[in-house]
Amino acid sequence: MDEIVNEPAVAYQKRHYSIEEYLEMEKASMVKHEYYQGEIFAMSGAGENHNEIFSNVFVEIGSKLKGKPCRPYGSDKRMNIPENTLFTYPDISIYCNGLTHSDLDEDTSILPTAIIEILSPSTKNYDRNKKFNLYKDIPSLKEYIMIDSESISVQAYYINEEKKWILREHKDISDTLTFVSMGFDMALSDIYYYVRF
């Protein structure tokens, strides 16, 4: 049985790296890495269900946001959280009112409005726990949505008027996911279209 990894594997164990060293290494790398407090972690590849879900969701979001001030980006968009040092590549990030770039790197953005992670067996515990806690430090973040790639399950967190995170769970293919901060819905049947369990 394959070992389930709760966090990304450390890619470089030599020493602690500066953000500048990480960014320089990342420019030369063919593989994406996360950076957190001096450590660099290799990111895992995506399976078939993950890719189907990404395509479905990205196309739907792009259609719903057309002509609006919010734009979705895929996992090639590097994001930084200056408040805790994390550099990462969310599966989908949505930025409203233009992109704000990191002071340290013009190819890295800060201040997303929503983040969507597609959960895989190797990263789901990390995405649900430690990563969500790191994402909570983003002052602009209004929604964090996790879509399971191995079963029909969507966990959607949004921040309410009292600045508290509220969870809505969806486990039925007939359910509808609401993007609270952007005012549109997405059917789970569209999210999981063509996905086979």
Protein backbone atom coordinates (compact mmCIF):
# COMPACT_ATOMS: atom_id res chain seq x y z
CA MET A 1 0.00 0.00 0.00
CA ASP A 2 1.31 3.44 -0.92
CA GLU A 3 2.26 5.69 1.94
CA ILE A 4 -0.02 8.72 2.27
CA VAL A 5 2.01 11.90 2.59
CA ASN A 6 0.39 14.66 4.61
CA GLU A 7 2.66 17.45 3.42
CA PRO A 8 4.82 18.06 0.36
CA ALA A 9 8.21 16.38 0.51
CA VAL A 10 11.20 18.56 1.34
CA ALA A 11 13.10 19.04 -1.92
CA TYR A 12 16.30 20.62 -0.62
CA GLN A 13 17.57 19.67 2.83
CA LYS A 14 20.95 21.38 2.78
CA ARG A 15 20.01 24.42 4.86
CA HIS A 16 17.50 27.20 5.16
CA TYR A 17 17.08 29.23 2.00
CA SER A 18 16.30 32.90 1.60
CA ILE A 19 13.28 33.93 -0.46
CA GLU A 20 15.66 35.37 -3.06
CA GLU A 21 17.50 32.03 -3.34
CA TYR A 22 14.19 30.18 -3.71
CA LEU A 23 12.99 32.51 -6.46
CA GLU A 24 16.28 32.16 -8.33
CA MET A 25 16.14 28.36 -8.09
CA GLU A 26 12.49 28.32 -9.14
CA LYS A 27 13.22 30.28 -12.31
CA ALA A 28 15.67 27.56 -13.40
CA SER A 29 13.53 24.60 -12.28
CA MET A 30 11.32 22.43 -14.49
CA VAL A 31 9.35 21.34 -11.40
CA LYS A 32 7.29 23.63 -9.15
CA HIS A 33 8.21 24.02 -5.48
CA GLU A 34 6.60 25.60 -2.46
CA TYR A 35 8.61 27.75 -0.08
CA TYR A 36 7.84 28.16 3.60
CA GLN A 37 10.05 29.72 6.28
CA GLY A 38 13.34 28.79 4.64
CA GLU A 39 12.39 25.31 3.42
CA ILE A 40 11.65 24.28 -0.16
CA PHE A 41 9.13 21.54 -0.94
CA ALA A 42 8.53 19.67 -4.20
CA MET A 43 4.93 19.76 -5.39
CA SER A 44 3.25 16.56 -6.56
CA GLY A 45 1.89 15.98 -10.05
CA ALA A 46 -1.81 15.69 -10.87
CA GLY A 47 -3.81 12.58 -11.74
CA GLU A 48 -6.50 12.19 -14.40
CA ASN A 49 -9.47 13.04 -12.13
CA HIS A 50 -7.61 16.09 -10.84
CA ASN A 51 -7.10 17.31 -14.41
CA GLU A 52 -10.73 16.69 -15.41
CA ILE A 53 -11.98 18.62 -12.37
CA PHE A 54 -9.55 21.46 -13.04
CA SER A 55 -10.71 21.78 -16.65
CA ASN A 56 -14.39 21.69 -15.69
CA VAL A 57 -14.08 24.24 -12.91
CA PHE A 58 -11.72 26.60 -14.73
CA VAL A 59 -13.94 26.77 -17.82
CA GLU A 60 -17.07 27.35 -15.69
CA ILE A 61 -15.43 30.09 -13.62
CA GLY A 62 -14.03 31.80 -16.72
CA SER A 63 -17.50 31.83 -18.27
CA LYS A 64 -19.20 33.15 -15.10
CA LEU A 65 -16.61 35.91 -14.58
CA LYS A 66 -16.50 37.16 -18.16
CA GLY A 67 -16.92 40.93 -18.18
CA LYS A 68 -16.48 41.15 -14.39
CA PRO A 69 -13.47 42.52 -12.45
CA CYS A 70 -12.35 39.06 -11.25
CA ARG A 71 -10.11 36.67 -13.23
CA PRO A 72 -9.16 33.04 -12.58
CA TYR A 73 -5.62 31.70 -12.92
CA GLY A 74 -4.37 28.11 -13.00
CA SER A 75 -1.55 26.40 -11.14
CA ASP A 76 1.20 28.20 -13.06
CA LYS A 77 0.31 31.40 -11.15
CA ARG A 78 2.68 31.63 -8.20
CA MET A 79 1.22 33.24 -5.09
CA ASN A 80 2.93 34.61 -1.98
CA ILE A 81 1.61 35.32 1.49
CA PRO A 82 4.03 37.94 2.91
CA GLU A 83 2.43 37.53 6.35
CA ASN A 84 3.86 33.99 6.74
CA THR A 85 6.40 33.65 3.84
CA LEU A 86 4.51 30.90 1.93
CA PHE A 87 5.08 30.78 -1.82
CA THR A 88 2.79 28.28 -3.54
CA TYR A 89 0.85 27.49 -6.71
CA PRO A 90 -2.87 27.01 -5.94
CA ASP A 91 -4.78 24.86 -8.42
CA ILE A 92 -7.03 27.85 -9.15
CA SER A 93 -6.78 31.34 -7.71
CA ILE A 94 -9.16 34.19 -8.44
CA TYR A 95 -7.95 37.78 -8.29
CA CYS A 96 -10.38 40.69 -8.35
CA ASN A 97 -9.58 44.26 -9.46
CA GLY A 98 -6.31 43.37 -11.14
CA LEU A 99 -3.15 41.61 -10.03
CA THR A 100 -0.97 42.90 -7.21
CA HIS A 101 2.60 41.68 -7.53
CA SER A 102 4.95 40.75 -4.72
CA ASP A 103 7.56 43.38 -3.88
CA LEU A 104 10.13 40.59 -4.20
CA ASP A 105 9.14 39.18 -7.59
CA GLU A 106 7.08 40.52 -10.48
CA ASP A 107 6.00 36.99 -11.50
CA THR A 108 4.45 36.33 -8.07
CA SER A 109 1.04 37.69 -7.07
CA ILE A 110 -0.43 38.48 -3.68
CA LEU A 111 -3.95 39.17 -2.37
CA PRO A 112 -6.25 36.65 -4.11
CA THR A 113 -10.00 36.79 -3.42
CA ALA A 114 -10.62 33.03 -3.69
CA ILE A 115 -8.50 29.87 -3.80
CA ILE A 116 -9.57 26.44 -5.04
CA GLU A 117 -7.53 23.33 -4.32
CA ILE A 118 -8.32 19.97 -5.92
CA LEU A 119 -7.53 17.36 -3.32
CA SER A 120 -5.40 14.34 -4.13
CA PRO A 121 -4.68 11.43 -1.76
CA SER A 122 -1.13 12.63 -1.12
CA THR A 123 -2.01 16.25 -0.26
CA LYS A 124 -5.57 16.31 1.10
CA ASN A 125 -4.60 16.42 4.78
CA TYR A 126 -2.09 19.21 4.13
CA ASP A 127 -4.61 21.22 2.07
CA ARG A 128 -7.34 20.84 4.69
CA ASN A 129 -5.25 21.70 7.72
CA LYS A 130 -1.84 23.39 7.60
CA LYS A 131 -2.32 25.00 4.19
CA PHE A 132 -5.75 26.37 5.08
CA ASN A 133 -4.28 27.88 8.25
CA LEU A 134 -1.59 29.57 6.15
CA TYR A 135 -4.19 30.80 3.64
CA LYS A 136 -6.18 32.38 6.48
CA ASP A 137 -3.35 34.93 6.82
CA ILE A 138 -4.25 36.41 3.40
CA PRO A 139 -6.09 39.67 4.21
CA SER A 140 -8.02 39.71 0.91
CA LEU A 141 -9.13 36.03 0.95
CA LYS A 142 -12.91 35.58 1.04
CA GLU A 143 -13.29 31.92 -0.02
CA TYR A 144 -11.34 28.68 0.13
CA ILE A 145 -12.81 25.73 -1.73
CA MET A 146 -11.50 22.15 -1.63
CA ILE A 147 -12.74 19.68 -4.24
CA ASP A 148 -12.03 15.99 -3.67
CA SER A 149 -10.75 14.10 -6.71
CA GLU A 150 -11.61 10.63 -5.35
CA SER A 151 -15.22 11.12 -4.28
CA ILE A 152 -18.05 13.61 -4.65
CA SER A 153 -17.12 16.01 -1.88
CA VAL A 154 -16.69 19.78 -1.89
CA GLN A 155 -15.79 21.75 1.23
CA ALA A 156 -16.40 25.46 0.70
CA TYR A 157 -15.26 27.95 3.33
CA TYR A 158 -16.24 31.59 3.12
CA ILE A 159 -15.66 34.47 5.48
CA ASN A 160 -18.78 36.09 6.91
CA GLU A 161 -19.43 39.66 8.05
CA GLU A 162 -18.05 38.85 11.52
CA LYS A 163 -14.76 37.73 9.88
CA LYS A 164 -15.40 34.09 10.82
CA TRP A 165 -14.85 31.19 8.42
CA ILE A 166 -18.09 29.32 7.67
CA LEU A 167 -18.05 25.82 6.11
CA ARG A 168 -20.56 24.54 3.57
CA GLU A 169 -20.17 20.89 2.57
CA HIS A 170 -21.54 19.30 -0.58
CA LYS A 171 -21.59 15.52 -1.07
CA ASP A 172 -24.43 14.98 -3.54
CA ILE A 173 -24.03 15.26 -7.32
CA SER A 174 -27.32 17.23 -7.41
CA ASP A 175 -25.92 19.91 -5.04
CA THR A 176 -24.89 23.39 -6.11
CA LEU A 177 -21.74 25.18 -4.96
CA THR A 178 -22.16 28.92 -4.34
CA PHE A 179 -19.26 31.31 -4.75
CA VAL A 180 -20.47 33.70 -2.06
CA SER A 181 -18.00 36.54 -2.70
CA MET A 182 -18.60 36.62 -6.45
CA GLY A 183 -22.30 35.85 -6.59
CA PHE A 184 -22.52 32.82 -8.86
CA ASP A 185 -23.32 29.11 -8.54
CA MET A 186 -21.78 25.98 -10.01
CA ALA A 187 -23.49 22.60 -10.15
CA LEU A 188 -21.52 19.67 -8.76
CA SER A 189 -22.58 17.75 -11.86
CA ASP A 190 -20.56 20.29 -13.89
CA ILE A 191 -17.60 20.11 -11.47
CA TYR A 192 -17.48 16.29 -11.74
CA TYR A 193 -18.40 16.03 -15.44
CA TYR A 194 -16.37 13.23 -17.07
CA VAL A 195 -14.81 12.23 -13.73
CA ARG A 196 -14.73 8.48 -13.01
CA PHE A 197 -14.31 7.04 -9.53
